[in-house]
N, C-alpha and C. Protein backbone atom coordinates (compact mmCIF):
# COMPACT_ATOMS: atom_id res chain seq x y z
N MET A 1 -30.26 -11.78 -19.93
CA MET A 1 -31.67 -11.63 -20.22
C MET A 1 -32.04 -10.16 -20.41
N LEU A 2 -31.53 -9.29 -19.52
CA LEU A 2 -31.82 -7.87 -19.66
C LEU A 2 -31.25 -7.31 -20.95
N THR A 3 -30.06 -7.79 -21.34
CA THR A 3 -29.46 -7.34 -22.59
C THR A 3 -30.36 -7.73 -23.75
N ARG A 4 -30.86 -8.95 -23.73
CA ARG A 4 -31.74 -9.43 -24.79
C ARG A 4 -33.00 -8.58 -24.90
N ILE A 5 -33.62 -8.27 -23.76
CA ILE A 5 -34.83 -7.45 -23.75
C ILE A 5 -34.52 -6.07 -24.29
N ALA A 6 -33.39 -5.50 -23.91
CA ALA A 6 -33.01 -4.16 -24.38
C ALA A 6 -32.86 -4.14 -25.89
N PHE A 7 -32.27 -5.19 -26.47
CA PHE A 7 -32.08 -5.21 -27.91
C PHE A 7 -33.38 -5.44 -28.66
N VAL A 8 -34.29 -6.22 -28.08
CA VAL A 8 -35.60 -6.39 -28.71
C VAL A 8 -36.32 -5.05 -28.72
N MET A 9 -36.29 -4.36 -27.60
CA MET A 9 -36.96 -3.06 -27.55
C MET A 9 -36.32 -2.07 -28.51
N LEU A 10 -35.00 -2.06 -28.58
CA LEU A 10 -34.30 -1.16 -29.49
C LEU A 10 -34.69 -1.46 -30.93
N SER A 11 -34.75 -2.73 -31.29
CA SER A 11 -35.08 -3.06 -32.67
C SER A 11 -36.52 -2.71 -32.99
N VAL A 12 -37.43 -2.80 -32.01
CA VAL A 12 -38.81 -2.38 -32.25
C VAL A 12 -38.86 -0.88 -32.50
N MET A 13 -38.10 -0.12 -31.71
CA MET A 13 -38.10 1.33 -31.88
C MET A 13 -37.50 1.75 -33.22
N MET A 14 -36.60 0.92 -33.77
CA MET A 14 -35.92 1.28 -35.01
C MET A 14 -36.74 0.96 -36.25
N MET A 15 -37.92 0.37 -36.08
CA MET A 15 -38.73 0.01 -37.23
C MET A 15 -39.02 1.24 -38.08
N ALA A 16 -39.05 1.04 -39.38
CA ALA A 16 -39.32 2.14 -40.30
C ALA A 16 -40.74 2.64 -40.10
N PRO A 17 -40.96 3.95 -40.24
CA PRO A 17 -42.31 4.47 -40.10
C PRO A 17 -43.20 3.95 -41.22
N SER A 18 -44.44 3.69 -40.89
CA SER A 18 -45.37 3.16 -41.88
C SER A 18 -46.24 4.26 -42.43
N CYS A 19 -47.17 3.87 -43.30
CA CYS A 19 -48.08 4.83 -43.91
C CYS A 19 -49.03 5.42 -42.89
N MET A 20 -49.11 4.84 -41.71
CA MET A 20 -50.03 5.33 -40.69
C MET A 20 -49.28 6.05 -39.57
N ALA A 21 -48.13 6.65 -39.91
CA ALA A 21 -47.27 7.28 -38.93
C ALA A 21 -47.99 8.34 -38.10
N ALA A 22 -48.92 9.07 -38.70
CA ALA A 22 -49.60 10.14 -37.99
C ALA A 22 -50.69 9.61 -37.07
N GLU A 23 -51.06 8.36 -37.22
CA GLU A 23 -52.15 7.76 -36.45
C GLU A 23 -51.57 6.90 -35.34
N ALA A 24 -52.14 6.97 -34.15
CA ALA A 24 -51.70 6.14 -33.05
C ALA A 24 -51.96 4.68 -33.40
N PRO A 25 -51.04 3.78 -33.03
CA PRO A 25 -51.20 2.36 -33.39
C PRO A 25 -52.53 1.75 -32.93
N GLN A 26 -52.97 2.06 -31.72
CA GLN A 26 -54.24 1.49 -31.23
C GLN A 26 -55.42 1.95 -32.09
N ALA A 27 -55.42 3.23 -32.45
CA ALA A 27 -56.49 3.74 -33.31
C ALA A 27 -56.41 3.09 -34.69
N ALA A 28 -55.20 2.90 -35.18
CA ALA A 28 -55.03 2.25 -36.48
C ALA A 28 -55.53 0.82 -36.44
N ILE A 29 -55.27 0.12 -35.35
CA ILE A 29 -55.73 -1.27 -35.21
C ILE A 29 -57.25 -1.31 -35.25
N GLN A 30 -57.90 -0.42 -34.55
CA GLN A 30 -59.37 -0.39 -34.56
C GLN A 30 -59.90 -0.10 -35.96
N ARG A 31 -59.34 0.90 -36.61
CA ARG A 31 -59.80 1.27 -37.95
C ARG A 31 -59.54 0.14 -38.95
N LEU A 32 -58.35 -0.44 -38.89
CA LEU A 32 -57.99 -1.49 -39.85
C LEU A 32 -58.76 -2.78 -39.59
N THR A 33 -59.06 -3.07 -38.32
CA THR A 33 -59.87 -4.25 -38.01
C THR A 33 -61.23 -4.12 -38.67
N ALA A 34 -61.81 -2.93 -38.60
CA ALA A 34 -63.12 -2.69 -39.24
C ALA A 34 -63.00 -2.84 -40.76
N GLU A 35 -61.91 -2.32 -41.34
CA GLU A 35 -61.71 -2.46 -42.79
C GLU A 35 -61.59 -3.92 -43.19
N ILE A 36 -60.84 -4.69 -42.41
CA ILE A 36 -60.63 -6.10 -42.74
C ILE A 36 -61.93 -6.89 -42.61
N ARG A 37 -62.76 -6.54 -41.63
CA ARG A 37 -64.07 -7.21 -41.50
C ARG A 37 -64.91 -6.99 -42.76
N LYS A 38 -64.86 -5.75 -43.27
CA LYS A 38 -65.65 -5.42 -44.47
C LYS A 38 -65.05 -6.08 -45.71
N GLN A 39 -63.71 -6.07 -45.81
CA GLN A 39 -63.03 -6.60 -46.99
C GLN A 39 -61.85 -7.47 -46.55
N PRO A 40 -62.13 -8.74 -46.25
CA PRO A 40 -61.05 -9.62 -45.78
C PRO A 40 -59.90 -9.80 -46.77
N ALA A 41 -60.15 -9.54 -48.04
CA ALA A 41 -59.09 -9.71 -49.06
C ALA A 41 -58.24 -8.46 -49.24
N ASP A 42 -58.43 -7.45 -48.39
CA ASP A 42 -57.65 -6.21 -48.49
C ASP A 42 -56.28 -6.44 -47.87
N MET A 43 -55.32 -6.82 -48.72
CA MET A 43 -53.98 -7.16 -48.23
C MET A 43 -53.22 -5.94 -47.72
N ASP A 44 -53.50 -4.76 -48.27
CA ASP A 44 -52.84 -3.55 -47.76
C ASP A 44 -53.28 -3.28 -46.32
N ALA A 45 -54.54 -3.47 -46.03
CA ALA A 45 -55.03 -3.28 -44.65
C ALA A 45 -54.36 -4.29 -43.72
N ARG A 46 -54.17 -5.51 -44.21
CA ARG A 46 -53.52 -6.54 -43.39
C ARG A 46 -52.05 -6.20 -43.14
N ARG A 47 -51.37 -5.67 -44.17
CA ARG A 47 -49.98 -5.24 -43.97
C ARG A 47 -49.91 -4.12 -42.93
N ASN A 48 -50.82 -3.16 -43.07
CA ASN A 48 -50.82 -2.02 -42.16
C ASN A 48 -51.17 -2.42 -40.73
N ILE A 49 -52.11 -3.35 -40.58
CA ILE A 49 -52.45 -3.78 -39.21
C ILE A 49 -51.30 -4.59 -38.62
N ALA A 50 -50.58 -5.32 -39.46
CA ALA A 50 -49.40 -6.05 -38.97
C ALA A 50 -48.38 -5.05 -38.42
N GLU A 51 -48.16 -3.95 -39.13
CA GLU A 51 -47.22 -2.93 -38.65
C GLU A 51 -47.72 -2.32 -37.34
N ALA A 52 -49.02 -2.07 -37.25
CA ALA A 52 -49.58 -1.51 -36.01
C ALA A 52 -49.43 -2.50 -34.86
N PHE A 53 -49.67 -3.78 -35.13
CA PHE A 53 -49.48 -4.80 -34.09
C PHE A 53 -48.02 -4.81 -33.62
N MET A 54 -47.10 -4.68 -34.56
CA MET A 54 -45.67 -4.66 -34.20
C MET A 54 -45.38 -3.48 -33.28
N LYS A 55 -45.94 -2.33 -33.59
CA LYS A 55 -45.67 -1.13 -32.79
C LYS A 55 -46.26 -1.22 -31.40
N THR A 56 -47.26 -2.07 -31.22
CA THR A 56 -47.86 -2.22 -29.90
C THR A 56 -47.37 -3.47 -29.18
N GLY A 57 -46.38 -4.14 -29.77
CA GLY A 57 -45.78 -5.31 -29.13
C GLY A 57 -46.54 -6.61 -29.34
N LEU A 58 -47.46 -6.63 -30.29
CA LEU A 58 -48.24 -7.84 -30.56
C LEU A 58 -47.69 -8.56 -31.78
N ALA A 59 -46.46 -9.04 -31.65
CA ALA A 59 -45.76 -9.65 -32.77
C ALA A 59 -46.45 -10.91 -33.30
N VAL A 60 -47.03 -11.69 -32.42
CA VAL A 60 -47.70 -12.92 -32.86
C VAL A 60 -48.89 -12.57 -33.75
N ARG A 61 -49.63 -11.55 -33.38
CA ARG A 61 -50.78 -11.13 -34.21
C ARG A 61 -50.29 -10.55 -35.54
N ALA A 62 -49.17 -9.85 -35.50
CA ALA A 62 -48.59 -9.32 -36.74
C ALA A 62 -48.19 -10.48 -37.66
N GLU A 63 -47.58 -11.49 -37.08
CA GLU A 63 -47.18 -12.66 -37.88
C GLU A 63 -48.40 -13.33 -38.50
N GLU A 64 -49.49 -13.45 -37.75
CA GLU A 64 -50.72 -14.06 -38.29
C GLU A 64 -51.20 -13.29 -39.52
N GLN A 65 -51.19 -11.97 -39.42
CA GLN A 65 -51.64 -11.16 -40.56
C GLN A 65 -50.71 -11.31 -41.76
N MET A 66 -49.43 -11.35 -41.49
CA MET A 66 -48.47 -11.48 -42.60
C MET A 66 -48.54 -12.86 -43.24
N ARG A 67 -48.87 -13.88 -42.48
CA ARG A 67 -49.04 -15.21 -43.07
C ARG A 67 -50.22 -15.21 -44.05
N ILE A 68 -51.27 -14.48 -43.70
CA ILE A 68 -52.42 -14.36 -44.61
C ILE A 68 -51.98 -13.63 -45.87
N VAL A 69 -51.24 -12.55 -45.71
CA VAL A 69 -50.74 -11.80 -46.88
C VAL A 69 -49.88 -12.71 -47.75
N MET A 70 -49.03 -13.49 -47.11
CA MET A 70 -48.12 -14.36 -47.87
C MET A 70 -48.90 -15.46 -48.60
N GLN A 71 -50.02 -15.86 -48.05
CA GLN A 71 -50.79 -16.92 -48.67
C GLN A 71 -51.67 -16.40 -49.81
N TYR A 72 -52.27 -15.22 -49.64
CA TYR A 72 -53.26 -14.76 -50.60
C TYR A 72 -52.87 -13.52 -51.40
N GLY A 73 -51.88 -12.79 -50.95
CA GLY A 73 -51.53 -11.54 -51.62
C GLY A 73 -50.30 -11.69 -52.50
N LYS A 74 -49.95 -10.59 -53.15
CA LYS A 74 -48.67 -10.55 -53.87
C LYS A 74 -47.59 -10.55 -52.80
N ARG A 75 -46.58 -11.35 -53.01
CA ARG A 75 -45.53 -11.49 -52.00
C ARG A 75 -44.32 -10.66 -52.41
N THR A 76 -44.20 -9.49 -51.80
CA THR A 76 -43.09 -8.58 -52.11
C THR A 76 -41.95 -8.83 -51.12
N PRO A 77 -40.75 -8.37 -51.47
CA PRO A 77 -39.65 -8.46 -50.50
C PRO A 77 -39.98 -7.78 -49.17
N GLU A 78 -40.72 -6.68 -49.23
CA GLU A 78 -41.11 -5.98 -48.00
C GLU A 78 -42.02 -6.84 -47.15
N ASP A 79 -42.88 -7.65 -47.81
CA ASP A 79 -43.75 -8.55 -47.07
C ASP A 79 -42.93 -9.61 -46.33
N PHE A 80 -41.93 -10.15 -47.02
CA PHE A 80 -41.07 -11.16 -46.38
C PHE A 80 -40.34 -10.55 -45.19
N VAL A 81 -39.85 -9.32 -45.35
CA VAL A 81 -39.12 -8.66 -44.25
C VAL A 81 -40.06 -8.41 -43.08
N LEU A 82 -41.28 -7.95 -43.36
CA LEU A 82 -42.23 -7.69 -42.27
C LEU A 82 -42.60 -9.00 -41.57
N LEU A 83 -42.78 -10.08 -42.32
CA LEU A 83 -43.04 -11.38 -41.71
C LEU A 83 -41.87 -11.79 -40.82
N ALA A 84 -40.66 -11.65 -41.34
CA ALA A 84 -39.47 -12.02 -40.57
C ALA A 84 -39.33 -11.15 -39.32
N ASP A 85 -39.62 -9.85 -39.45
CA ASP A 85 -39.57 -8.98 -38.28
C ASP A 85 -40.56 -9.46 -37.21
N ALA A 86 -41.77 -9.81 -37.64
CA ALA A 86 -42.77 -10.30 -36.70
C ALA A 86 -42.30 -11.59 -36.03
N GLN A 87 -41.70 -12.47 -36.81
CA GLN A 87 -41.18 -13.72 -36.25
C GLN A 87 -40.08 -13.42 -35.23
N ARG A 88 -39.20 -12.49 -35.58
CA ARG A 88 -38.10 -12.15 -34.68
C ARG A 88 -38.63 -11.57 -33.37
N TYR A 89 -39.57 -10.62 -33.45
CA TYR A 89 -40.10 -10.01 -32.24
C TYR A 89 -40.91 -10.99 -31.42
N ALA A 90 -41.43 -12.05 -32.05
CA ALA A 90 -42.16 -13.09 -31.34
C ALA A 90 -41.19 -14.11 -30.73
N GLY A 91 -39.89 -13.93 -30.96
CA GLY A 91 -38.89 -14.83 -30.40
C GLY A 91 -38.66 -16.07 -31.23
N LYS A 92 -39.17 -16.10 -32.44
CA LYS A 92 -39.01 -17.25 -33.34
C LYS A 92 -37.80 -16.99 -34.25
N TYR A 93 -36.62 -17.00 -33.66
CA TYR A 93 -35.41 -16.59 -34.37
C TYR A 93 -35.06 -17.50 -35.54
N THR A 94 -35.24 -18.80 -35.38
CA THR A 94 -34.92 -19.72 -36.47
C THR A 94 -35.84 -19.46 -37.67
N ASP A 95 -37.14 -19.28 -37.42
CA ASP A 95 -38.07 -18.99 -38.51
C ASP A 95 -37.72 -17.65 -39.16
N ALA A 96 -37.42 -16.66 -38.33
CA ALA A 96 -37.07 -15.34 -38.86
C ALA A 96 -35.80 -15.42 -39.71
N MET A 97 -34.81 -16.16 -39.25
CA MET A 97 -33.57 -16.30 -40.02
C MET A 97 -33.86 -16.90 -41.39
N ARG A 98 -34.69 -17.93 -41.42
CA ARG A 98 -35.05 -18.55 -42.71
C ARG A 98 -35.73 -17.54 -43.63
N THR A 99 -36.64 -16.76 -43.07
CA THR A 99 -37.37 -15.79 -43.89
C THR A 99 -36.44 -14.69 -44.39
N TYR A 100 -35.58 -14.16 -43.51
CA TYR A 100 -34.62 -13.15 -43.95
C TYR A 100 -33.69 -13.72 -45.02
N GLN A 101 -33.25 -14.96 -44.85
CA GLN A 101 -32.35 -15.56 -45.83
C GLN A 101 -33.04 -15.77 -47.18
N GLU A 102 -34.35 -16.00 -47.14
CA GLU A 102 -35.10 -16.10 -48.39
C GLU A 102 -35.06 -14.78 -49.15
N VAL A 103 -35.21 -13.68 -48.43
CA VAL A 103 -35.12 -12.36 -49.03
C VAL A 103 -33.72 -12.15 -49.61
N LEU A 104 -32.71 -12.50 -48.81
CA LEU A 104 -31.33 -12.28 -49.23
C LEU A 104 -30.94 -13.20 -50.38
N GLY A 105 -31.60 -14.33 -50.53
CA GLY A 105 -31.35 -15.20 -51.67
C GLY A 105 -31.73 -14.53 -52.98
N ALA A 106 -32.74 -13.67 -52.91
CA ALA A 106 -33.19 -12.93 -54.10
C ALA A 106 -32.46 -11.61 -54.26
N ASN A 107 -32.03 -11.00 -53.12
CA ASN A 107 -31.38 -9.70 -53.18
C ASN A 107 -30.46 -9.54 -51.97
N GLN A 108 -29.18 -9.77 -52.17
CA GLN A 108 -28.22 -9.69 -51.06
C GLN A 108 -28.04 -8.28 -50.54
N ALA A 109 -28.55 -7.29 -51.26
CA ALA A 109 -28.38 -5.90 -50.86
C ALA A 109 -29.57 -5.36 -50.08
N ASN A 110 -30.47 -6.22 -49.60
CA ASN A 110 -31.61 -5.77 -48.83
C ASN A 110 -31.15 -5.51 -47.39
N ALA A 111 -30.93 -4.25 -47.07
CA ALA A 111 -30.36 -3.87 -45.77
C ALA A 111 -31.25 -4.28 -44.61
N LYS A 112 -32.56 -4.18 -44.77
CA LYS A 112 -33.47 -4.55 -43.68
C LYS A 112 -33.36 -6.05 -43.37
N ALA A 113 -33.22 -6.85 -44.42
CA ALA A 113 -33.07 -8.30 -44.20
C ALA A 113 -31.71 -8.61 -43.58
N VAL A 114 -30.67 -7.91 -44.02
CA VAL A 114 -29.33 -8.15 -43.46
C VAL A 114 -29.32 -7.77 -41.98
N SER A 115 -29.83 -6.59 -41.65
CA SER A 115 -29.79 -6.17 -40.24
C SER A 115 -30.72 -7.04 -39.40
N GLY A 116 -31.87 -7.44 -39.95
CA GLY A 116 -32.77 -8.33 -39.22
C GLY A 116 -32.12 -9.67 -38.92
N LEU A 117 -31.43 -10.21 -39.92
CA LEU A 117 -30.72 -11.47 -39.74
C LEU A 117 -29.64 -11.33 -38.67
N ALA A 118 -28.92 -10.22 -38.71
CA ALA A 118 -27.87 -9.98 -37.71
C ALA A 118 -28.47 -9.91 -36.31
N TYR A 119 -29.59 -9.22 -36.15
CA TYR A 119 -30.22 -9.13 -34.84
C TYR A 119 -30.69 -10.51 -34.37
N CYS A 120 -31.15 -11.35 -35.29
CA CYS A 120 -31.55 -12.72 -34.91
C CYS A 120 -30.36 -13.48 -34.33
N TYR A 121 -29.21 -13.37 -35.01
CA TYR A 121 -28.02 -14.04 -34.49
C TYR A 121 -27.64 -13.47 -33.12
N LEU A 122 -27.70 -12.16 -32.97
CA LEU A 122 -27.37 -11.54 -31.70
C LEU A 122 -28.31 -12.03 -30.60
N LEU A 123 -29.60 -12.00 -30.88
CA LEU A 123 -30.57 -12.41 -29.87
C LEU A 123 -30.51 -13.90 -29.57
N SER A 124 -29.95 -14.67 -30.51
CA SER A 124 -29.76 -16.11 -30.29
C SER A 124 -28.46 -16.39 -29.54
N GLY A 125 -27.68 -15.34 -29.29
CA GLY A 125 -26.45 -15.50 -28.53
C GLY A 125 -25.19 -15.64 -29.37
N ASP A 126 -25.28 -15.37 -30.67
CA ASP A 126 -24.13 -15.52 -31.56
C ASP A 126 -23.73 -14.15 -32.12
N ALA A 127 -23.10 -13.34 -31.27
CA ALA A 127 -22.72 -11.98 -31.66
C ALA A 127 -21.66 -11.98 -32.76
N ASN A 128 -20.78 -12.98 -32.78
CA ASN A 128 -19.73 -13.01 -33.81
C ASN A 128 -20.33 -13.18 -35.21
N THR A 129 -21.29 -14.10 -35.35
CA THR A 129 -21.93 -14.29 -36.64
C THR A 129 -22.74 -13.05 -37.00
N ALA A 130 -23.37 -12.44 -36.02
CA ALA A 130 -24.14 -11.22 -36.26
C ALA A 130 -23.25 -10.14 -36.86
N ALA A 131 -22.07 -9.96 -36.30
CA ALA A 131 -21.13 -8.96 -36.81
C ALA A 131 -20.67 -9.31 -38.22
N LYS A 132 -20.41 -10.59 -38.47
CA LYS A 132 -20.00 -11.02 -39.82
C LYS A 132 -21.09 -10.72 -40.84
N VAL A 133 -22.34 -10.97 -40.46
CA VAL A 133 -23.47 -10.70 -41.36
C VAL A 133 -23.52 -9.20 -41.69
N CYS A 134 -23.35 -8.36 -40.69
CA CYS A 134 -23.39 -6.90 -40.92
C CYS A 134 -22.23 -6.45 -41.80
N HIS A 135 -21.02 -6.93 -41.52
CA HIS A 135 -19.87 -6.54 -42.33
C HIS A 135 -20.04 -6.98 -43.78
N SER A 136 -20.53 -8.19 -43.97
CA SER A 136 -20.78 -8.69 -45.32
C SER A 136 -21.86 -7.84 -46.00
N GLY A 137 -22.90 -7.51 -45.25
CA GLY A 137 -23.97 -6.68 -45.80
C GLY A 137 -23.50 -5.30 -46.21
N LEU A 138 -22.58 -4.73 -45.44
CA LEU A 138 -22.06 -3.40 -45.79
C LEU A 138 -21.38 -3.42 -47.16
N LYS A 139 -20.79 -4.56 -47.51
CA LYS A 139 -20.14 -4.69 -48.82
C LYS A 139 -21.18 -4.81 -49.93
N GLN A 140 -22.34 -5.38 -49.63
CA GLN A 140 -23.37 -5.63 -50.63
C GLN A 140 -24.30 -4.43 -50.84
N VAL A 141 -24.62 -3.75 -49.76
CA VAL A 141 -25.61 -2.66 -49.80
C VAL A 141 -24.97 -1.40 -50.35
N SER A 142 -25.67 -0.76 -51.29
CA SER A 142 -25.11 0.44 -51.89
C SER A 142 -25.85 1.72 -51.49
N ASP A 143 -27.12 1.61 -51.10
CA ASP A 143 -27.87 2.82 -50.79
C ASP A 143 -27.48 3.37 -49.42
N PRO A 144 -27.39 4.70 -49.29
CA PRO A 144 -26.94 5.32 -48.04
C PRO A 144 -27.82 4.98 -46.83
N ALA A 145 -29.13 4.91 -47.02
CA ALA A 145 -30.02 4.59 -45.90
C ALA A 145 -29.75 3.16 -45.40
N GLY A 146 -29.51 2.25 -46.32
CA GLY A 146 -29.21 0.87 -45.96
C GLY A 146 -27.88 0.77 -45.23
N LYS A 147 -26.89 1.50 -45.72
CA LYS A 147 -25.58 1.50 -45.05
C LYS A 147 -25.71 2.07 -43.63
N LYS A 148 -26.52 3.10 -43.49
CA LYS A 148 -26.73 3.71 -42.18
C LYS A 148 -27.39 2.70 -41.23
N GLU A 149 -28.38 1.98 -41.74
CA GLU A 149 -29.07 0.97 -40.92
C GLU A 149 -28.10 -0.12 -40.45
N LEU A 150 -27.24 -0.56 -41.36
CA LEU A 150 -26.27 -1.60 -41.01
C LEU A 150 -25.20 -1.06 -40.05
N ALA A 151 -24.80 0.18 -40.24
CA ALA A 151 -23.83 0.78 -39.32
C ALA A 151 -24.44 0.87 -37.91
N GLU A 152 -25.72 1.20 -37.82
CA GLU A 152 -26.40 1.25 -36.53
C GLU A 152 -26.46 -0.15 -35.91
N ALA A 153 -26.74 -1.15 -36.72
CA ALA A 153 -26.78 -2.53 -36.22
C ALA A 153 -25.40 -2.92 -35.68
N LEU A 154 -24.35 -2.55 -36.41
CA LEU A 154 -22.99 -2.85 -35.93
C LEU A 154 -22.69 -2.14 -34.62
N ARG A 155 -23.15 -0.92 -34.49
CA ARG A 155 -22.95 -0.17 -33.25
C ARG A 155 -23.63 -0.90 -32.09
N VAL A 156 -24.85 -1.37 -32.32
CA VAL A 156 -25.58 -2.11 -31.29
C VAL A 156 -24.85 -3.41 -30.96
N LEU A 157 -24.33 -4.08 -31.98
CA LEU A 157 -23.60 -5.33 -31.75
C LEU A 157 -22.36 -5.10 -30.90
N GLU A 158 -21.62 -4.05 -31.23
CA GLU A 158 -20.41 -3.74 -30.46
C GLU A 158 -20.77 -3.38 -29.02
N GLN A 159 -21.84 -2.64 -28.85
CA GLN A 159 -22.30 -2.29 -27.50
C GLN A 159 -22.69 -3.56 -26.74
N SER A 160 -23.32 -4.48 -27.42
CA SER A 160 -23.71 -5.75 -26.81
C SER A 160 -22.49 -6.54 -26.36
N LYS A 161 -21.47 -6.58 -27.22
CA LYS A 161 -20.24 -7.30 -26.86
C LYS A 161 -19.60 -6.68 -25.63
N LEU A 162 -19.55 -5.35 -25.58
CA LEU A 162 -18.96 -4.68 -24.43
C LEU A 162 -19.74 -4.99 -23.16
N GLN A 163 -21.06 -4.96 -23.23
CA GLN A 163 -21.87 -5.25 -22.06
C GLN A 163 -21.68 -6.70 -21.61
N ALA A 164 -21.58 -7.61 -22.58
CA ALA A 164 -21.37 -9.01 -22.23
C ALA A 164 -20.01 -9.20 -21.57
N GLU A 165 -18.98 -8.54 -22.10
CA GLU A 165 -17.65 -8.64 -21.51
C GLU A 165 -17.63 -8.04 -20.11
N GLN A 166 -18.30 -6.91 -19.93
CA GLN A 166 -18.37 -6.30 -18.61
C GLN A 166 -19.11 -7.19 -17.64
N GLY A 167 -20.18 -7.84 -18.11
CA GLY A 167 -20.94 -8.75 -17.26
C GLY A 167 -20.11 -9.94 -16.84
N LYS A 168 -19.31 -10.48 -17.77
CA LYS A 168 -18.43 -11.60 -17.44
C LYS A 168 -17.37 -11.17 -16.44
N SER A 169 -16.84 -9.98 -16.63
CA SER A 169 -15.80 -9.47 -15.73
C SER A 169 -16.35 -9.30 -14.33
N VAL A 170 -17.53 -8.72 -14.20
CA VAL A 170 -18.14 -8.53 -12.89
C VAL A 170 -18.44 -9.88 -12.26
N SER A 171 -18.94 -10.81 -13.05
CA SER A 171 -19.26 -12.15 -12.55
C SER A 171 -18.01 -12.85 -12.04
N THR A 172 -16.92 -12.75 -12.80
CA THR A 172 -15.66 -13.37 -12.40
C THR A 172 -15.13 -12.75 -11.12
N GLN A 173 -15.18 -11.42 -11.01
CA GLN A 173 -14.70 -10.73 -9.82
C GLN A 173 -15.53 -11.09 -8.60
N THR A 174 -16.84 -11.25 -8.82
CA THR A 174 -17.74 -11.60 -7.70
C THR A 174 -17.42 -12.98 -7.18
N ARG A 175 -17.14 -13.92 -8.08
CA ARG A 175 -16.82 -15.29 -7.66
C ARG A 175 -15.50 -15.34 -6.89
N ARG A 176 -14.54 -14.49 -7.27
CA ARG A 176 -13.23 -14.48 -6.60
C ARG A 176 -13.32 -13.90 -5.20
N SER A 177 -14.30 -13.05 -4.97
CA SER A 177 -14.41 -12.38 -3.66
C SER A 177 -14.87 -13.30 -2.58
């Protein structure tokens, strides 16, 4: 459980900076909430508030905003990834996997979708599939930033495997004592 929490927190910290990087997330939420009240059809404000919700740990609220964007706005690959990220942080791994796979169906070289999918497998307890997804993604992704993101995901996966093995070893030794 602690390993799972650590990886969720790590993945939240690894989120790409948004257009509101200079503004504190709480202040951004207040400002964007006012903008959305004035103009409910402002999909950019909804995307930005979803990112702010993610940064403050309110993944369910982020998902709500992204569902509105997906229903009424132009649906970009970045929108699908942000929706999937919100689903993942909300613990909806199956939904997030489906959304990431939808992105990858259109573009197998989307590093954010590949790493997000890998983290879903890891958080679901399937580290082997997570590693396979990352290795496959490294073959597909050509941009250096994407490769770096996937290499970081692989590093986290390997660290997770080591911690799991150490935990099993300690557990086994404790039972023998």
